[in-house]
Amino acid sequence: MLKLNAWLWIALILLVVGGLNWGLVGLFKFDLVAAIFGQMSVLARVVYVVVGLSAVAILVSALKSNTK
């Protein structure tokens, strides 16, 4: 079982939000992040980077838990 500290919970939540955003893009061609922060604005890019880093953090944590 993967044990999550506070940072990993935040990463997991951001990862889910990012996945839902991609679902909206795929189903409805609607990018919620772009709608809130502007099309490829600095803030939107920051959100995309943070969500991507969250995915990496969850992946690394999952791989570490599998090696124990």
PDB file of N, CA and C in Angstrom:
ATOM      1  N   MET A   1       0.836  -1.189   0.000  1.00  0.00           N
ATOM      2  CA  MET A   1       0.000   0.000   0.000  1.00  0.00           C
ATOM      3  C   MET A   1       0.877   1.247   0.000  1.00  0.00           C
ATOM      4  N   LEU A   2       0.543   2.179  -0.854  1.00  0.00           N
ATOM      5  CA  LEU A   2       1.288   3.426  -0.975  1.00  0.00           C
ATOM      6  C   LEU A   2       0.883   4.376   0.148  1.00  0.00           C
ATOM      7  N   LYS A   3       1.851   4.776   0.965  1.00  0.00           N
ATOM      8  CA  LYS A   3       1.581   5.714   2.048  1.00  0.00           C
ATOM      9  C   LYS A   3       1.914   7.113   1.557  1.00  0.00           C
ATOM     10  N   LEU A   4       0.967   8.021   1.709  1.00  0.00           N
ATOM     11  CA  LEU A   4       1.134   9.370   1.193  1.00  0.00           C
ATOM     12  C   LEU A   4       1.296  10.371   2.326  1.00  0.00           C
ATOM     13  N   ASN A   5       2.355  11.175   2.229  1.00  0.00           N
ATOM     14  CA  ASN A   5       2.492  12.293   3.150  1.00  0.00           C
ATOM     15  C   ASN A   5       1.718  13.477   2.565  1.00  0.00           C
ATOM     16  N   ALA A   6       1.763  14.603   3.237  1.00  0.00           N
ATOM     17  CA  ALA A   6       0.975  15.771   2.801  1.00  0.00           C
ATOM     18  C   ALA A   6       1.346  16.203   1.377  1.00  0.00           C
ATOM     19  N   TRP A   7       2.635  16.204   1.058  1.00  0.00           N
ATOM     20  CA  TRP A   7       3.067  16.634  -0.283  1.00  0.00           C
ATOM     21  C   TRP A   7       2.561  15.684  -1.356  1.00  0.00           C
ATOM     22  N   LEU A   8       2.579  14.405  -1.070  1.00  0.00           N
ATOM     23  CA  LEU A   8       2.100  13.440  -2.063  1.00  0.00           C
ATOM     24  C   LEU A   8       0.582  13.502  -2.218  1.00  0.00           C
ATOM     25  N   TRP A   9      -0.144  13.828  -1.144  1.00  0.00           N
ATOM     26  CA  TRP A   9      -1.592  14.022  -1.273  1.00  0.00           C
ATOM     27  C   TRP A   9      -1.886  15.210  -2.184  1.00  0.00           C
ATOM     28  N   ILE A  10      -1.134  16.286  -2.001  1.00  0.00           N
ATOM     29  CA  ILE A  10      -1.302  17.456  -2.866  1.00  0.00           C
ATOM     30  C   ILE A  10      -0.981  17.078  -4.309  1.00  0.00           C
ATOM     31  N   ALA A  11       0.099  16.331  -4.496  1.00  0.00           N
ATOM     32  CA  ALA A  11       0.476  15.889  -5.845  1.00  0.00           C
ATOM     33  C   ALA A  11      -0.620  15.016  -6.449  1.00  0.00           C
ATOM     34  N   LEU A  12      -1.195  14.138  -5.653  1.00  0.00           N
ATOM     35  CA  LEU A  12      -2.260  13.265  -6.151  1.00  0.00           C
ATOM     36  C   LEU A  12      -3.493  14.070  -6.553  1.00  0.00           C
ATOM     37  N   ILE A  13      -3.860  15.043  -5.744  1.00  0.00           N
ATOM     38  CA  ILE A  13      -5.003  15.899  -6.069  1.00  0.00           C
ATOM     39  C   ILE A  13      -4.745  16.666  -7.362  1.00  0.00           C
ATOM     40  N   LEU A  14      -3.548  17.228  -7.490  1.00  0.00           N
ATOM     41  CA  LEU A  14      -3.206  17.949  -8.726  1.00  0.00           C
ATOM     42  C   LEU A  14      -3.205  17.015  -9.931  1.00  0.00           C
ATOM     43  N   LEU A  15      -2.766  15.803  -9.729  1.00  0.00           N
ATOM     44  CA  LEU A  15      -2.762  14.823 -10.811  1.00  0.00           C
ATOM     45  C   LEU A  15      -4.180  14.491 -11.252  1.00  0.00           C
ATOM     46  N   VAL A  16      -5.087  14.351 -10.310  1.00  0.00           N
ATOM     47  CA  VAL A  16      -6.493  14.094 -10.642  1.00  0.00           C
ATOM     48  C   VAL A  16      -7.091  15.300 -11.377  1.00  0.00           C
ATOM     49  N   VAL A  17      -6.803  16.509 -10.887  1.00  0.00           N
ATOM     50  CA  VAL A  17      -7.298  17.720 -11.547  1.00  0.00           C
ATOM     51  C   VAL A  17      -6.771  17.783 -12.985  1.00  0.00           C
ATOM     52  N   GLY A  18      -5.498  17.469 -13.159  1.00  0.00           N
ATOM     53  CA  GLY A  18      -4.914  17.458 -14.503  1.00  0.00           C
ATOM     54  C   GLY A  18      -5.566  16.413 -15.397  1.00  0.00           C
ATOM     55  N   GLY A  19      -5.841  15.253 -14.828  1.00  0.00           N
ATOM     56  CA  GLY A  19      -6.512  14.210 -15.606  1.00  0.00           C
ATOM     57  C   GLY A  19      -7.914  14.609 -16.006  1.00  0.00           C
ATOM     58  N   LEU A  20      -8.638  15.253 -15.094  1.00  0.00           N
ATOM     59  CA  LEU A  20      -9.979  15.734 -15.423  1.00  0.00           C
ATOM     60  C   LEU A  20      -9.917  16.813 -16.508  1.00  0.00           C
ATOM     61  N   ASN A  21      -8.909  17.679 -16.423  1.00  0.00           N
ATOM     62  CA  ASN A  21      -8.751  18.709 -17.455  1.00  0.00           C
ATOM     63  C   ASN A  21      -8.508  18.071 -18.821  1.00  0.00           C
ATOM     64  N   TRP A  22      -7.655  17.057 -18.869  1.00  0.00           N
ATOM     65  CA  TRP A  22      -7.412  16.364 -20.145  1.00  0.00           C
ATOM     66  C   TRP A  22      -8.664  15.666 -20.635  1.00  0.00           C
ATOM     67  N   GLY A  23      -9.470  15.148 -19.723  1.00  0.00           N
ATOM     68  CA  GLY A  23     -10.739  14.552 -20.110  1.00  0.00           C
ATOM     69  C   GLY A  23     -11.656  15.582 -20.755  1.00  0.00           C
ATOM     70  N   LEU A  24     -11.704  16.780 -20.169  1.00  0.00           N
ATOM     71  CA  LEU A  24     -12.507  17.854 -20.751  1.00  0.00           C
ATOM     72  C   LEU A  24     -11.989  18.244 -22.136  1.00  0.00           C
ATOM     73  N   VAL A  25     -10.669  18.284 -22.274  1.00  0.00           N
ATOM     74  CA  VAL A  25     -10.081  18.615 -23.577  1.00  0.00           C
ATOM     75  C   VAL A  25     -10.454  17.548 -24.602  1.00  0.00           C
ATOM     76  N   GLY A  26     -10.331  16.299 -24.231  1.00  0.00           N
ATOM     77  CA  GLY A  26     -10.620  15.208 -25.157  1.00  0.00           C
ATOM     78  C   GLY A  26     -12.087  15.093 -25.521  1.00  0.00           C
ATOM     79  N   LEU A  27     -12.958  15.291 -24.555  1.00  0.00           N
ATOM     80  CA  LEU A  27     -14.390  15.121 -24.804  1.00  0.00           C
ATOM     81  C   LEU A  27     -15.055  16.353 -25.417  1.00  0.00           C
ATOM     82  N   PHE A  28     -14.662  17.533 -24.933  1.00  0.00           N
ATOM     83  CA  PHE A  28     -15.394  18.740 -25.300  1.00  0.00           C
ATOM     84  C   PHE A  28     -14.534  19.840 -25.920  1.00  0.00           C
ATOM     85  N   LYS A  29     -13.228  19.556 -26.112  1.00  0.00           N
ATOM     86  CA  LYS A  29     -12.285  20.567 -26.603  1.00  0.00           C
ATOM     87  C   LYS A  29     -12.313  21.816 -25.726  1.00  0.00           C
ATOM     88  N   PHE A  30     -12.444  21.591 -24.406  1.00  0.00           N
ATOM     89  CA  PHE A  30     -12.499  22.683 -23.436  1.00  0.00           C
ATOM     90  C   PHE A  30     -11.362  22.524 -22.440  1.00  0.00           C
ATOM     91  N   ASP A  31     -10.444  23.476 -22.439  1.00  0.00           N
ATOM     92  CA  ASP A  31      -9.304  23.467 -21.520  1.00  0.00           C
ATOM     93  C   ASP A  31      -9.636  24.384 -20.347  1.00  0.00           C
ATOM     94  N   LEU A  32      -9.969  23.788 -19.205  1.00  0.00           N
ATOM     95  CA  LEU A  32     -10.373  24.554 -18.031  1.00  0.00           C
ATOM     96  C   LEU A  32      -9.249  25.455 -17.535  1.00  0.00           C
ATOM     97  N   VAL A  33      -8.023  24.972 -17.548  1.00  0.00           N
ATOM     98  CA  VAL A  33      -6.889  25.776 -17.090  1.00  0.00           C
ATOM     99  C   VAL A  33      -6.746  27.015 -17.968  1.00  0.00           C
ATOM    100  N   ALA A  34      -6.834  26.833 -19.278  1.00  0.00           N
ATOM    101  CA  ALA A  34      -6.740  27.967 -20.202  1.00  0.00           C
ATOM    102  C   ALA A  34      -7.917  28.919 -20.018  1.00  0.00           C
ATOM    103  N   ALA A  35      -9.088  28.370 -19.738  1.00  0.00           N
ATOM    104  CA  ALA A  35     -10.260  29.219 -19.532  1.00  0.00           C
ATOM    105  C   ALA A  35     -10.110  30.074 -18.274  1.00  0.00           C
ATOM    106  N   ILE A  36      -9.472  29.531 -17.247  1.00  0.00           N
ATOM    107  CA  ILE A  36      -9.310  30.268 -15.990  1.00  0.00           C
ATOM    108  C   ILE A  36      -8.141  31.257 -16.067  1.00  0.00           C
ATOM    109  N   PHE A  37      -7.003  30.796 -16.592  1.00  0.00           N
ATOM    110  CA  PHE A  37      -5.782  31.598 -16.526  1.00  0.00           C
ATOM    111  C   PHE A  37      -5.378  32.241 -17.847  1.00  0.00           C
ATOM    112  N   GLY A  38      -6.031  31.895 -18.933  1.00  0.00           N
ATOM    113  CA  GLY A  38      -5.660  32.440 -20.238  1.00  0.00           C
ATOM    114  C   GLY A  38      -4.882  31.412 -21.037  1.00  0.00           C
ATOM    115  N   GLN A  39      -5.070  31.467 -22.348  1.00  0.00           N
ATOM    116  CA  GLN A  39      -4.420  30.506 -23.248  1.00  0.00           C
ATOM    117  C   GLN A  39      -2.905  30.665 -23.189  1.00  0.00           C
ATOM    118  N   MET A  40      -2.227  29.685 -22.657  1.00  0.00           N
ATOM    119  CA  MET A  40      -0.765  29.612 -22.514  1.00  0.00           C
ATOM    120  C   MET A  40      -0.171  30.864 -21.858  1.00  0.00           C
ATOM    121  N   SER A  41      -0.911  31.425 -20.895  1.00  0.00           N
ATOM    122  CA  SER A  41      -0.369  32.521 -20.096  1.00  0.00           C
ATOM    123  C   SER A  41       0.696  31.954 -19.167  1.00  0.00           C
ATOM    124  N   VAL A  42       1.412  32.825 -18.516  1.00  0.00           N
ATOM    125  CA  VAL A  42       2.443  32.376 -17.576  1.00  0.00           C
ATOM    126  C   VAL A  42       1.807  31.532 -16.468  1.00  0.00           C
ATOM    127  N   LEU A  43       0.668  31.976 -15.950  1.00  0.00           N
ATOM    128  CA  LEU A  43       0.009  31.212 -14.883  1.00  0.00           C
ATOM    129  C   LEU A  43      -0.465  29.846 -15.367  1.00  0.00           C
ATOM    130  N   ALA A  44      -1.013  29.791 -16.565  1.00  0.00           N
ATOM    131  CA  ALA A  44      -1.448  28.503 -17.112  1.00  0.00           C
ATOM    132  C   ALA A  44      -0.253  27.568 -17.275  1.00  0.00           C
ATOM    133  N   ARG A  45       0.853  28.082 -17.763  1.00  0.00           N
ATOM    134  CA  ARG A  45       2.046  27.251 -17.935  1.00  0.00           C
ATOM    135  C   ARG A  45       2.560  26.758 -16.592  1.00  0.00           C
ATOM    136  N   VAL A  46       2.501  27.602 -15.565  1.00  0.00           N
ATOM    137  CA  VAL A  46       2.916  27.189 -14.224  1.00  0.00           C
ATOM    138  C   VAL A  46       2.034  26.044 -13.737  1.00  0.00           C
ATOM    139  N   VAL A  47       0.724  26.168 -13.950  1.00  0.00           N
ATOM    140  CA  VAL A  47      -0.194  25.098 -13.546  1.00  0.00           C
ATOM    141  C   VAL A  47       0.160  23.804 -14.266  1.00  0.00           C
ATOM    142  N   TYR A  48       0.396  23.872 -15.578  1.00  0.00           N
ATOM    143  CA  TYR A  48       0.745  22.672 -16.342  1.00  0.00           C
ATOM    144  C   TYR A  48       2.042  22.043 -15.822  1.00  0.00           C
ATOM    145  N   VAL A  49       3.032  22.860 -15.510  1.00  0.00           N
ATOM    146  CA  VAL A  49       4.311  22.341 -15.005  1.00  0.00           C
ATOM    147  C   VAL A  49       4.124  21.697 -13.635  1.00  0.00           C
ATOM    148  N   VAL A  50       3.362  22.335 -12.756  1.00  0.00           N
ATOM    149  CA  VAL A  50       3.137  21.790 -11.416  1.00  0.00           C
ATOM    150  C   VAL A  50       2.382  20.468 -11.497  1.00  0.00           C
ATOM    151  N   VAL A  51       1.395  20.379 -12.373  1.00  0.00           N
ATOM    152  CA  VAL A  51       0.665  19.121 -12.551  1.00  0.00           C
ATOM    153  C   VAL A  51       1.605  18.037 -13.093  1.00  0.00           C
ATOM    154  N   GLY A  52       2.461  18.396 -14.034  1.00  0.00           N
ATOM    155  CA  GLY A  52       3.439  17.438 -14.557  1.00  0.00           C
ATOM    156  C   GLY A  52       4.410  16.961 -13.494  1.00  0.00           C
ATOM    157  N   LEU A  53       4.883  17.881 -12.668  1.00  0.00           N
ATOM    158  CA  LEU A  53       5.778  17.501 -11.572  1.00  0.00           C
ATOM    159  C   LEU A  53       5.062  16.616 -10.556  1.00  0.00           C
ATOM    160  N   SER A  54       3.777  16.864 -10.363  1.00  0.00           N
ATOM    161  CA  SER A  54       2.984  16.014  -9.474  1.00  0.00           C
ATOM    162  C   SER A  54       2.929  14.592  -9.999  1.00  0.00           C
ATOM    163  N   ALA A  55       2.771  14.454 -11.304  1.00  0.00           N
ATOM    164  CA  ALA A  55       2.745  13.117 -11.907  1.00  0.00           C
ATOM    165  C   ALA A  55       4.076  12.407 -11.687  1.00  0.00           C
ATOM    166  N   VAL A  56       5.169  13.130 -11.837  1.00  0.00           N
ATOM    167  CA  VAL A  56       6.497  12.539 -11.614  1.00  0.00           C
ATOM    168  C   VAL A  56       6.652  12.134 -10.151  1.00  0.00           C
ATOM    169  N   ALA A  57       6.199  12.982  -9.229  1.00  0.00           N
ATOM    170  CA  ALA A  57       6.321  12.674  -7.798  1.00  0.00           C
ATOM    171  C   ALA A  57       5.529  11.424  -7.438  1.00  0.00           C
ATOM    172  N   ILE A  58       4.320  11.302  -7.957  1.00  0.00           N
ATOM    173  CA  ILE A  58       3.505  10.118  -7.678  1.00  0.00           C
ATOM    174  C   ILE A  58       4.140   8.882  -8.302  1.00  0.00           C
ATOM    175  N   LEU A  59       4.646   9.006  -9.509  1.00  0.00           N
ATOM    176  CA  LEU A  59       5.302   7.878 -10.179  1.00  0.00           C
ATOM    177  C   LEU A  59       6.515   7.408  -9.387  1.00  0.00           C
ATOM    178  N   VAL A  60       7.364   8.319  -8.979  1.00  0.00           N
ATOM    179  CA  VAL A  60       8.567   7.961  -8.202  1.00  0.00           C
ATOM    180  C   VAL A  60       8.162   7.308  -6.883  1.00  0.00           C
ATOM    181  N   SER A  61       7.161   7.868  -6.220  1.00  0.00           N
ATOM    182  CA  SER A  61       6.712   7.295  -4.952  1.00  0.00           C
ATOM    183  C   SER A  61       6.163   5.890  -5.152  1.00  0.00           C
ATOM    184  N   ALA A  62       5.397   5.697  -6.202  1.00  0.00           N
ATOM    185  CA  ALA A  62       4.837   4.363  -6.482  1.00  0.00           C
ATOM    186  C   ALA A  62       5.948   3.370  -6.797  1.00  0.00           C
ATOM    187  N   LEU A  63       6.939   3.790  -7.573  1.00  0.00           N
ATOM    188  CA  LEU A  63       8.045   2.887  -7.899  1.00  0.00           C
ATOM    189  C   LEU A  63       8.864   2.551  -6.660  1.00  0.00           C
ATOM    190  N   LYS A  64       9.063   3.515  -5.780  1.00  0.00           N
ATOM    191  CA  LYS A  64       9.796   3.256  -4.538  1.00  0.00           C
ATOM    192  C   LYS A  64       9.051   2.267  -3.651  1.00  0.00           C
ATOM    193  N   SER A  65       7.721   2.397  -3.597  1.00  0.00           N
ATOM    194  CA  SER A  65       6.947   1.504  -2.729  1.00  0.00           C
ATOM    195  C   SER A  65       6.933   0.084  -3.271  1.00  0.00           C
ATOM    196  N   ASN A  66       7.079  -0.082  -4.589  1.00  0.00           N
ATOM    197  CA  ASN A  66       7.109  -1.415  -5.189  1.00  0.00           C
ATOM    198  C   ASN A  66       8.431  -2.131  -4.964  1.00  0.00           C
ATOM    199  N   THR A  67       9.496  -1.391  -4.680  1.00  0.00           N
ATOM    200  CA  THR A  67      10.806  -2.021  -4.492  1.00  0.00           C
ATOM    201  C   THR A  67      11.029  -2.446  -3.055  1.00  0.00           C
ATOM    202  N   LYS A  68      10.132  -2.080  -2.157  1.00  0.00           N
ATOM    203  CA  LYS A  68      10.304  -2.430  -0.731  1.00  0.00           C
ATOM    204  C   LYS A  68       9.803  -3.814  -0.458  1.00  0.00           C
TER     205      LYS A  68
END
